[in-house]
Amino acid sequence: MFAELINALLSHRSDDEDDDEDDVRLTPERVQSEIGVLKRKNVPDNVYHIYMGEKPYAVFAARTKRNLYTLHMDLRRFPNDVPKVFVTQMLKDRDGNRLDSCDGSMHVLDSEHGWTRICHYGNASWNPGVSLYKIYVKCCLWLNMYELHLETGNDIDYYLNHQS
């Protein structure tokens, strides 16, 4: 299962990926492009919803071996900036501590809304061509590593290295 997710992550490059774009906005055309990528990658329609209102966001269902999670992606500054991604609940580490503040070894950032925020991309690694699909795959990997953390006690950093 992990091999498939990792291969998808490594092999995917959005059709509109371009490192030179400075002022890209989330347009209806970009949303349609994102939906096209999700369809080509066989992500079922009932796994995600993209809302294009005043505060755009996307919601994804993410299944691990044990649980079903909901991911909330704040798209207000996407695709120019790394979107904030939250698990729509407050997760706890193996010792019962809330994952609600910045912790590099666990790949989490300060929480908002009472939800755990996943660190999925560093600013230096970001470009406006990164697709929602790629973010989704990385977050699914994070959730699987989180469950391994609960089993083993190893920090997520044991499984996932930080990007340079």
Foldseek 3Di string as FASTA:
>chain_A
DVVVLVCCLVPDFQPPDDQPDQDDADDPVVVVSLVVVCVVVVPDPVQKDWDDDPFTWMWGWADDPPDIWIKIWGCNPAPNFHTWIWTPAFDAFLVRHTQADDDPLQQWHHDDPNTTIHNQADRVRHGRRDHPVSSVSSVNVSVNLRVVCNVPVGHSCVVDPHDD
